[in-house]
Amino acid sequence: MKPEQSIDTLIEARWIIPIEPGGLCLEHHSLAVKAGRIVALLPTEDARGRFVARQHLCLSQHVLLPGMVNLHTHAAMALLRGYADDIGLMDWLNLHIWPAENRHVSPAFVRDGTQLACAEMLRGGITCFNDMYFYPEAAAEAAIRLGMRAALGMLVIEFPSAYAADADDYLAKGLAARDALRDQPLISFCMAPHAPYTVTDKTFERIATLADQLDLPIHIHLHETRAEIADSIRLYGIRPLERLQRLGLLGPGLIAVHAVHLEPEEIALLALHGSSVAHCPTSNLKLASGIAPVAHLQERGVRVGLGSDGAASNNRLDLFREMHLAALLAKVTRGDATVLDSHAALRMATLEGAAALGLEHSIGSLVAGKQADLCAIRLDDTSLQPCFNPASHLVYAAGREHVSHVWVAGVERVHEGQLVGIDTAELLDIVKSWHNRIGI
């Protein structure tokens, strides 16, 4: 008989969906965690005889799965939630969002808005987010305070802002932030050129070189609207994706956000280069951008993760809703109810997002050796009864309000639905102050 092994946490759950192997839902299994990493996933009876845990949780009515990965957001824009609704994308940007940002964005705005976003995401089972915004050091401060994993974008645009004067200044400040935060275990970085219509060829070429040298993903809005594509053809004689290909940006590190309007040959091109798509169904619908061809992308082998976009264009940072919409939209656009089943949607919300960020060896599935980024969802609510298929329930019936526990690197960040170590009343006072400043 093997001697008992000392660990930090043993979590017993009614169901565990490990994501890897795919399509699996384990009953009455346990997850062992030590020093922030997963030690083992095994039947509960075996776990009780093998481990001595400092903390032992029995989640008898819950499903345990990896923490979700929000593959695209602008976290600080939580302070602009509902600021300019029911408006087309370019008017929304030019007439409302960019003017408001010019007036209000500062390190304090980004820190406070990102704290609000992190609080919302953690309570919804999201443990990692891929951000694109100004002042990444301030976003990092907020993420670290709330104990959340963040991939921070080194934003690049050509026009000046309170943050930077020009593209060179954006790059210099982004690289300086990366250097300053390189020892933070929960923080990583992406190159983040905003979009083809806000970045020049010269800047794109420099970004491609830096991404290759530093082994960083490239996070960019791409093929979001028909107008974006028409403008590219008018200005450059080619569609945006082809332009990026010619400039050397396509590759396994490219994360194409939205990717709504793609021709078959463009889907094949993304597949050929091993690029990823951040699918943001709610934002795409709300801004009338269109419906991304997710089923076609996946059939060609393109990795597709899920993003919420910012709270100013969604208006929730909620991957349960994104999973639900993604599955339904894929089915109706293909006329096939078997497309994008519940396990595929869960994989999009977890491992696919992690892989797009180059983090699949650390997070995204419940495999021994990976970081213990986890979320537990309680399924004993009357609205969720009866439960024949927990994976199906997570996509089609449950919501973020059913998330009970969340861990990041083995540290509990949500307990029984409440944030751990955060003064919610203080956060609400901060948000109220910004609301009064920003006005409507």
Protein backbone atom coordinates (compact mmCIF):
# COMPACT_ATOMS: atom_id res chain seq x y z
CA MET A 1 0.00 0.00 0.00
CA LYS A 2 1.38 3.39 -1.01
CA PRO A 3 2.03 5.90 1.79
CA GLU A 4 -0.32 8.86 1.98
CA GLN A 5 0.85 11.96 0.12
CA SER A 6 0.57 15.43 1.62
CA ILE A 7 -1.12 18.06 -0.60
CA ASP A 8 -2.64 21.50 -0.19
CA THR A 9 -6.16 20.93 -1.50
CA LEU A 10 -8.33 17.95 -2.40
CA ILE A 11 -11.52 18.81 -4.27
CA GLU A 12 -14.18 16.11 -4.50
CA ALA A 13 -16.82 16.81 -7.13
CA ARG A 14 -19.95 15.10 -8.37
CA TRP A 15 -18.72 15.66 -11.93
CA ILE A 16 -15.39 16.75 -13.42
CA ILE A 17 -14.99 17.79 -17.06
CA PRO A 18 -11.23 17.78 -17.69
CA ILE A 19 -11.45 19.02 -21.35
CA GLU A 20 -8.53 16.71 -22.09
CA PRO A 21 -9.37 13.98 -23.10
CA GLY A 22 -12.22 15.55 -25.03
CA GLY A 23 -15.86 14.66 -24.52
CA LEU A 24 -15.28 13.23 -21.06
CA CYS A 25 -17.42 13.82 -17.96
CA LEU A 26 -16.17 11.97 -14.87
CA GLU A 27 -18.48 11.18 -11.96
CA HIS A 28 -17.35 11.10 -8.34
CA HIS A 29 -13.76 12.07 -9.05
CA SER A 30 -11.35 14.30 -7.16
CA LEU A 31 -8.64 16.78 -8.06
CA ALA A 32 -5.49 17.01 -5.96
CA VAL A 33 -3.58 20.31 -5.85
CA LYS A 34 -0.17 21.13 -4.40
CA ALA A 35 1.90 24.31 -4.73
CA GLY A 36 -0.60 25.74 -7.19
CA ARG A 37 -0.47 22.81 -9.60
CA ILE A 38 -2.63 19.80 -10.32
CA VAL A 39 -1.10 16.64 -8.83
CA ALA A 40 -3.70 14.10 -9.90
CA LEU A 41 -7.25 13.55 -11.15
CA LEU A 42 -8.64 10.24 -9.92
CA PRO A 43 -11.72 8.50 -8.48
CA THR A 44 -12.72 9.93 -5.14
CA GLU A 45 -12.42 6.64 -3.27
CA ASP A 46 -8.84 6.28 -4.47
CA ALA A 47 -8.05 9.91 -3.62
CA ARG A 48 -9.22 9.53 -0.04
CA GLY A 49 -6.74 6.72 0.52
CA ARG A 50 -3.85 8.38 -1.30
CA PHE A 51 -3.81 12.00 -0.12
CA VAL A 52 -3.77 13.95 3.12
CA ALA A 53 -4.97 17.45 2.32
CA ARG A 54 -4.61 20.65 4.29
CA GLN A 55 -7.98 21.68 2.80
CA HIS A 56 -10.62 19.16 1.77
CA LEU A 57 -13.69 20.36 -0.18
CA CYS A 58 -16.67 18.19 -0.96
CA LEU A 59 -18.63 19.67 -3.90
CA SER A 60 -21.36 17.06 -3.99
CA GLN A 61 -23.70 18.93 -6.38
CA HIS A 62 -21.12 20.59 -8.57
CA VAL A 63 -19.25 20.21 -11.82
CA LEU A 64 -15.57 21.14 -11.79
CA LEU A 65 -13.81 22.30 -14.94
CA PRO A 66 -10.79 24.42 -15.93
CA GLY A 67 -11.03 28.15 -15.40
CA MET A 68 -12.34 29.87 -18.50
CA VAL A 69 -10.14 31.98 -20.79
CA ASN A 70 -11.58 35.22 -22.15
CA LEU A 71 -9.64 35.49 -25.41
CA HIS A 72 -10.55 39.11 -26.17
CA THR A 73 -11.58 42.01 -24.01
CA HIS A 74 -10.87 45.64 -23.18
CA ALA A 75 -11.18 45.21 -19.43
CA ALA A 76 -11.00 48.85 -18.32
CA MET A 77 -13.96 49.68 -20.55
CA ALA A 78 -16.14 48.17 -17.84
CA LEU A 79 -16.36 51.80 -16.69
CA LEU A 80 -18.07 52.59 -20.02
CA ARG A 81 -20.68 49.85 -19.74
CA GLY A 82 -23.86 51.10 -21.42
CA TYR A 83 -22.26 54.45 -22.30
CA ALA A 84 -23.20 54.33 -26.00
CA ASP A 85 -25.60 51.57 -27.01
CA ASP A 86 -27.60 50.80 -30.17
CA ILE A 87 -25.07 52.50 -32.47
CA GLY A 88 -23.08 51.14 -35.44
CA LEU A 89 -19.41 50.32 -34.90
CA MET A 90 -17.70 53.28 -36.57
CA ASP A 91 -20.12 55.88 -35.15
CA TRP A 92 -19.81 54.13 -31.79
CA LEU A 93 -16.03 54.49 -31.95
CA ASN A 94 -15.66 57.90 -33.61
CA LEU A 95 -18.52 59.80 -31.99
CA HIS A 96 -18.70 58.26 -28.54
CA ILE A 97 -16.02 55.85 -27.32
CA TRP A 98 -12.84 57.51 -28.57
CA PRO A 99 -13.95 61.01 -27.42
CA ALA A 100 -14.84 59.61 -23.97
CA GLU A 101 -11.48 57.86 -23.77
CA ASN A 102 -9.66 61.05 -24.76
CA ARG A 103 -11.34 62.83 -21.86
CA HIS A 104 -11.03 60.19 -19.16
CA VAL A 105 -8.47 57.45 -19.81
CA SER A 106 -5.57 57.55 -17.37
CA PRO A 107 -3.66 55.01 -15.28
CA ALA A 108 -6.30 55.39 -12.55
CA PHE A 109 -9.13 54.80 -15.05
CA VAL A 110 -7.45 51.64 -16.33
CA ARG A 111 -6.62 50.33 -12.85
CA ASP A 112 -10.12 50.90 -11.50
CA GLY A 113 -11.94 49.72 -14.62
CA THR A 114 -9.82 46.58 -14.80
CA GLN A 115 -10.51 45.83 -11.13
CA LEU A 116 -14.23 46.04 -11.85
CA ALA A 117 -13.81 43.77 -14.87
CA CYS A 118 -11.70 41.24 -12.96
CA ALA A 119 -14.29 41.07 -10.20
CA GLU A 120 -17.01 40.37 -12.75
CA MET A 121 -14.97 37.81 -14.67
CA LEU A 122 -13.79 35.89 -11.62
CA ARG A 123 -17.33 35.54 -10.32
CA GLY A 124 -18.26 34.15 -13.73
CA GLY A 125 -15.58 31.44 -13.72
CA ILE A 126 -13.06 33.29 -15.91
CA THR A 127 -9.51 32.93 -14.59
CA CYS A 128 -7.53 34.40 -17.52
CA PHE A 129 -8.22 37.29 -19.89
CA ASN A 130 -6.49 38.61 -23.00
CA ASP A 131 -6.61 42.39 -22.84
CA MET A 132 -6.11 45.18 -25.36
CA TYR A 133 -6.01 48.65 -23.85
CA PHE A 134 -3.94 51.61 -22.76
CA TYR A 135 -1.61 51.63 -19.71
CA PRO A 136 -0.94 47.88 -19.38
CA GLU A 137 0.98 48.44 -16.12
CA ALA A 138 -2.22 49.75 -14.52
CA ALA A 139 -4.18 46.76 -15.83
CA ALA A 140 -1.51 44.47 -14.41
CA GLU A 141 -1.81 46.18 -11.01
CA ALA A 142 -5.53 45.42 -10.96
CA ALA A 143 -5.17 41.82 -12.14
CA ILE A 144 -2.44 41.10 -9.60
CA ARG A 145 -4.51 42.61 -6.81
CA LEU A 146 -7.43 40.33 -7.62
CA GLY A 147 -5.17 37.35 -8.27
CA MET A 148 -6.24 36.87 -11.88
CA ARG A 149 -4.19 35.68 -14.84
CA ALA A 150 -3.85 38.26 -17.63
CA ALA A 151 -2.28 38.41 -21.08
CA LEU A 152 -1.78 42.12 -21.60
CA GLY A 153 -1.69 43.69 -25.02
CA MET A 154 1.05 46.10 -26.02
CA LEU A 155 -1.46 48.33 -27.81
CA VAL A 156 -0.35 50.03 -31.01
CA ILE A 157 -2.27 52.64 -33.00
CA GLU A 158 -1.01 55.51 -35.14
CA PHE A 159 -2.90 58.39 -33.56
CA PRO A 160 -1.96 60.06 -30.27
CA SER A 161 -3.71 59.53 -26.95
CA ALA A 162 -3.07 60.44 -23.34
CA TYR A 163 -1.01 57.24 -23.19
CA ALA A 164 1.33 57.67 -26.16
CA ALA A 165 2.18 60.10 -28.97
CA ASP A 166 2.62 57.77 -31.95
CA ALA A 167 3.20 54.13 -32.92
CA ASP A 168 6.84 54.19 -31.85
CA ASP A 169 5.87 55.58 -28.46
CA TYR A 170 3.15 52.92 -28.00
CA LEU A 171 5.67 50.18 -28.77
CA ALA A 172 8.33 51.63 -26.50
CA LYS A 173 5.91 51.91 -23.58
CA GLY A 174 4.49 48.43 -24.16
CA LEU A 175 7.95 46.89 -24.24
CA ALA A 176 8.93 48.78 -21.09
CA ALA A 177 5.83 47.43 -19.32
CA ARG A 178 6.72 43.90 -20.39
CA ASP A 179 10.24 44.29 -19.03
CA ALA A 180 8.98 45.71 -15.74
CA LEU A 181 6.48 42.86 -15.24
CA ARG A 182 8.48 39.93 -16.56
CA ASP A 183 8.74 38.31 -13.10
CA GLN A 184 5.01 38.38 -12.38
CA PRO A 185 3.81 34.75 -12.64
CA LEU A 186 0.21 35.61 -13.61
CA ILE A 187 1.10 38.19 -16.27
CA SER A 188 2.06 37.58 -19.91
CA PHE A 189 2.03 39.83 -22.97
CA CYS A 190 0.86 40.04 -26.59
CA MET A 191 1.64 42.45 -29.38
CA ALA A 192 -1.68 44.29 -29.88
CA PRO A 193 -1.96 46.35 -33.08
CA HIS A 194 -5.51 47.68 -32.83
CA ALA A 195 -6.77 46.97 -36.38
CA PRO A 196 -5.69 47.17 -40.04
CA TYR A 197 -7.42 50.55 -40.37
CA THR A 198 -5.48 52.12 -37.48
CA VAL A 199 -1.97 50.75 -38.19
CA THR A 200 0.36 51.43 -41.13
CA ASP A 201 2.39 48.92 -43.12
CA LYS A 202 5.64 50.19 -41.61
CA THR A 203 4.35 49.65 -38.07
CA PHE A 204 2.97 46.22 -38.93
CA GLU A 205 6.37 45.14 -40.26
CA ARG A 206 8.03 46.22 -37.03
CA ILE A 207 5.38 44.38 -34.99
CA ALA A 208 5.95 41.20 -37.01
CA THR A 209 9.68 41.40 -36.30
CA LEU A 210 9.21 42.02 -32.57
CA ALA A 211 6.64 39.24 -32.22
CA ASP A 212 9.05 36.82 -33.85
CA GLN A 213 12.03 37.94 -31.79
CA LEU A 214 10.15 37.89 -28.47
CA ASP A 215 7.92 34.87 -29.26
CA LEU A 216 4.72 36.82 -28.55
CA PRO A 217 1.20 36.37 -29.95
CA ILE A 218 -0.28 39.12 -32.15
CA HIS A 219 -3.75 40.15 -30.98
CA ILE A 220 -5.69 42.22 -33.57
CA HIS A 221 -9.24 43.12 -34.63
CA LEU A 222 -9.60 41.67 -38.13
CA HIS A 223 -12.39 41.37 -40.72
CA GLU A 224 -14.92 42.66 -38.21
CA THR A 225 -17.11 44.59 -40.68
CA ARG A 226 -17.74 44.78 -44.40
CA ALA A 227 -16.78 48.47 -44.31
CA GLU A 228 -13.32 47.56 -42.93
CA ILE A 229 -12.78 45.23 -45.90
CA ALA A 230 -14.09 47.75 -48.46
CA ASP A 231 -11.82 50.46 -47.07
CA SER A 232 -8.83 48.13 -47.26
CA ILE A 233 -9.53 47.33 -50.90
CA ARG A 234 -9.90 51.06 -51.65
CA LEU A 235 -6.68 52.06 -49.86
CA TYR A 236 -4.43 49.05 -50.43
CA GLY A 237 -6.05 47.13 -53.28
CA ILE A 238 -6.37 43.98 -51.16
CA ARG A 239 -8.42 42.63 -48.26
CA PRO A 240 -7.01 43.04 -44.73
CA LEU A 241 -6.01 39.41 -44.21
CA GLU A 242 -4.00 39.33 -47.42
CA ARG A 243 -2.34 42.58 -46.39
CA LEU A 244 -1.28 41.04 -43.08
CA GLN A 245 0.00 37.97 -44.90
CA ARG A 246 2.18 40.09 -47.20
CA LEU A 247 3.53 41.96 -44.16
CA GLY A 248 4.50 38.74 -42.37
CA LEU A 249 1.96 38.73 -39.53
CA LEU A 250 0.25 35.40 -40.21
CA GLY A 251 1.42 32.46 -38.15
CA PRO A 252 0.56 30.34 -35.08
CA GLY A 253 0.71 33.43 -32.87
CA LEU A 254 -1.93 35.46 -34.73
CA ILE A 255 -5.21 35.92 -32.85
CA ALA A 256 -7.77 37.34 -35.30
CA VAL A 257 -10.51 38.98 -33.26
CA HIS A 258 -14.05 38.76 -34.68
CA ALA A 259 -13.09 37.34 -38.12
CA VAL A 260 -16.71 37.70 -39.20
CA HIS A 261 -16.32 38.24 -42.93
CA LEU A 262 -14.08 35.53 -44.35
CA GLU A 263 -14.00 33.94 -47.77
CA PRO A 264 -13.29 30.18 -48.01
CA GLU A 265 -9.76 30.83 -49.22
CA GLU A 266 -9.15 33.12 -46.22
CA ILE A 267 -10.29 30.39 -43.83
CA ALA A 268 -7.86 28.06 -45.60
CA LEU A 269 -5.11 30.67 -45.19
CA LEU A 270 -5.70 30.94 -41.43
CA ALA A 271 -5.61 27.15 -41.21
CA LEU A 272 -2.42 26.93 -43.25
CA HIS A 273 -0.63 29.33 -40.91
CA GLY A 274 -2.02 27.80 -37.70
CA SER A 275 -3.63 31.08 -36.70
CA SER A 276 -6.43 31.47 -34.14
CA VAL A 277 -9.75 33.30 -34.05
CA ALA A 278 -11.28 35.03 -31.01
CA HIS A 279 -15.02 34.60 -31.53
CA CYS A 280 -17.11 37.33 -29.85
CA PRO A 281 -20.72 36.46 -30.73
CA THR A 282 -22.54 38.92 -28.46
CA SER A 283 -20.47 41.91 -29.56
CA ASN A 284 -20.77 40.88 -33.22
CA LEU A 285 -24.55 40.76 -32.91
CA LYS A 286 -24.93 43.94 -30.85
CA LEU A 287 -22.85 46.02 -33.27
CA ALA A 288 -24.53 44.32 -36.26
CA SER A 289 -21.14 43.19 -37.54
CA GLY A 290 -22.40 39.75 -38.54
CA ILE A 291 -21.96 36.10 -37.60
CA ALA A 292 -18.52 34.51 -37.80
CA PRO A 293 -18.28 31.23 -39.79
CA VAL A 294 -17.23 29.21 -36.75
CA ALA A 295 -18.27 25.79 -38.06
CA HIS A 296 -16.29 26.31 -41.27
CA LEU A 297 -13.27 27.54 -39.31
CA GLN A 298 -13.28 24.51 -37.04
CA GLU A 299 -13.80 22.11 -39.94
CA ARG A 300 -10.64 23.47 -41.54
CA GLY A 301 -8.73 23.10 -38.27
CA VAL A 302 -8.61 26.76 -37.25
CA ARG A 303 -8.41 27.16 -33.47
CA VAL A 304 -11.38 29.19 -32.18
CA GLY A 305 -11.57 30.58 -28.66
CA LEU A 306 -14.23 32.77 -27.07
CA GLY A 307 -14.07 36.45 -26.15
CA SER A 308 -16.52 38.83 -24.55
CA ASP A 309 -15.08 42.01 -26.10
CA GLY A 310 -15.36 45.02 -23.78
CA ALA A 311 -18.30 45.75 -21.52
CA ALA A 312 -18.99 48.86 -23.60
CA SER A 313 -19.98 46.70 -26.57
CA ASN A 314 -21.37 43.54 -24.97
CA ASN A 315 -22.37 44.56 -22.10
CA ARG A 316 -21.29 41.57 -19.97
CA LEU A 317 -17.96 39.85 -19.49
CA ASP A 318 -19.71 36.50 -19.44
CA LEU A 319 -18.37 33.40 -21.20
CA PHE A 320 -21.41 31.33 -20.28
CA ARG A 321 -23.45 33.59 -22.53
CA GLU A 322 -20.77 33.48 -25.24
CA MET A 323 -20.73 29.66 -25.17
CA HIS A 324 -24.51 29.56 -25.42
CA LEU A 325 -24.67 32.01 -28.32
CA ALA A 326 -21.72 30.46 -30.14
CA ALA A 327 -23.34 27.03 -30.11
CA LEU A 328 -26.76 28.29 -31.23
CA LEU A 329 -25.41 30.56 -33.98
CA ALA A 330 -23.20 27.81 -35.40
CA LYS A 331 -26.18 25.44 -35.57
CA VAL A 332 -28.60 27.85 -37.22
CA THR A 333 -26.11 29.20 -39.77
CA ARG A 334 -25.25 25.66 -40.88
CA GLY A 335 -28.78 24.28 -40.56
CA ASP A 336 -27.32 21.42 -38.55
CA ALA A 337 -28.16 20.84 -34.88
CA THR A 338 -25.12 18.59 -34.40
CA VAL A 339 -22.62 21.38 -35.11
CA LEU A 340 -20.61 22.75 -32.14
CA ASP A 341 -21.85 20.46 -29.38
CA SER A 342 -21.54 21.29 -25.69
CA HIS A 343 -18.10 19.72 -25.22
CA ALA A 344 -16.79 21.69 -28.22
CA ALA A 345 -18.21 24.92 -26.75
CA LEU A 346 -16.55 24.19 -23.38
CA ARG A 347 -13.25 23.56 -25.13
CA MET A 348 -13.56 26.92 -26.91
CA ALA A 349 -14.05 28.64 -23.54
CA THR A 350 -11.02 26.93 -21.97
CA LEU A 351 -8.26 25.09 -23.82
CA GLU A 352 -8.66 26.77 -27.22
CA GLY A 353 -8.25 30.20 -25.67
CA ALA A 354 -5.26 29.03 -23.66
CA ALA A 355 -3.63 27.56 -26.77
CA ALA A 356 -4.17 30.75 -28.77
CA LEU A 357 -2.17 32.59 -26.08
CA GLY A 358 0.55 29.94 -26.03
CA LEU A 359 -0.51 28.93 -22.50
CA GLU A 360 -1.90 25.47 -23.23
CA HIS A 361 0.94 23.78 -21.35
CA SER A 362 -0.01 25.68 -18.19
CA ILE A 363 -3.80 26.13 -18.21
CA GLY A 364 -6.97 25.21 -20.10
CA SER A 365 -7.46 21.58 -19.04
CA LEU A 366 -7.29 19.48 -15.88
CA VAL A 367 -4.06 17.59 -16.48
CA ALA A 368 -1.43 16.71 -13.88
CA GLY A 369 1.35 19.27 -13.88
CA LYS A 370 -0.77 22.18 -15.08
CA GLN A 371 -1.63 25.22 -13.00
CA ALA A 372 -4.72 24.75 -10.84
CA ASP A 373 -6.93 27.34 -12.56
CA LEU A 374 -10.38 25.95 -11.81
CA CYS A 375 -14.04 26.82 -11.50
CA ALA A 376 -16.90 24.94 -9.88
CA ILE A 377 -20.54 25.35 -10.92
CA ARG A 378 -23.37 24.28 -8.65
CA LEU A 379 -26.08 22.36 -10.50
CA ASP A 380 -28.67 21.75 -7.76
CA ASP A 381 -30.72 24.89 -8.44
CA THR A 382 -34.34 24.16 -9.31
CA SER A 383 -33.84 25.88 -12.67
CA LEU A 384 -31.22 23.25 -13.52
CA GLN A 385 -33.24 20.16 -12.62
CA PRO A 386 -33.20 17.43 -13.73
CA CYS A 387 -29.60 17.11 -14.94
CA PHE A 388 -29.03 14.35 -17.48
CA ASN A 389 -25.88 15.81 -19.04
CA PRO A 390 -23.68 18.24 -17.05
CA ALA A 391 -21.74 19.43 -20.11
CA SER A 392 -24.98 20.27 -21.90
CA HIS A 393 -26.26 22.05 -18.80
CA LEU A 394 -23.19 24.31 -18.66
CA VAL A 395 -23.78 25.53 -22.21
CA TYR A 396 -27.57 25.56 -22.50
CA ALA A 397 -29.01 25.94 -18.97
CA ALA A 398 -26.53 27.20 -16.38
CA GLY A 399 -25.15 30.72 -16.09
CA ARG A 400 -22.42 32.59 -14.31
CA GLU A 401 -24.74 33.01 -11.31
CA HIS A 402 -24.25 29.30 -10.63
CA VAL A 403 -20.45 29.59 -10.27
CA SER A 404 -19.62 28.79 -6.66
CA HIS A 405 -15.82 28.50 -6.42
CA VAL A 406 -12.88 29.75 -8.48
CA TRP A 407 -9.16 29.10 -8.06
CA VAL A 408 -6.20 30.69 -9.85
CA ALA A 409 -2.90 28.82 -9.50
CA GLY A 410 -4.45 26.90 -6.61
CA VAL A 411 -5.48 30.01 -4.66
CA GLU A 412 -9.21 30.36 -4.01
CA ARG A 413 -10.49 33.64 -5.46
CA VAL A 414 -14.25 32.99 -5.22
CA HIS A 415 -15.85 31.08 -2.35
CA GLU A 416 -19.57 30.25 -2.39
CA GLY A 417 -20.12 32.90 -5.05
CA GLN A 418 -18.31 35.68 -3.20
CA LEU A 419 -14.95 37.27 -4.04
CA VAL A 420 -12.19 36.43 -1.57
CA GLY A 421 -10.05 39.23 -0.16
CA ILE A 422 -11.77 42.06 -2.04
CA ASP A 423 -13.86 44.80 -0.44
CA THR A 424 -16.81 44.93 -2.84
CA ALA A 425 -18.27 48.02 -1.18
CA GLU A 426 -15.01 49.89 -1.72
CA LEU A 427 -14.95 48.84 -5.37
CA LEU A 428 -18.52 50.06 -5.86
CA ASP A 429 -17.62 53.44 -4.34
CA ILE A 430 -14.75 53.77 -6.82
CA VAL A 431 -17.06 52.93 -9.72
CA LYS A 432 -19.66 55.42 -8.53
CA SER A 433 -17.02 58.15 -8.54
CA TRP A 434 -16.12 57.35 -12.17
CA HIS A 435 -19.78 57.24 -13.16
CA ASN A 436 -20.27 60.75 -11.80
CA ARG A 437 -17.16 61.98 -13.64
CA ILE A 438 -17.97 60.43 -17.00
CA GLY A 439 -21.65 61.30 -17.08
CA ILE A 440 -23.91 60.40 -20.00
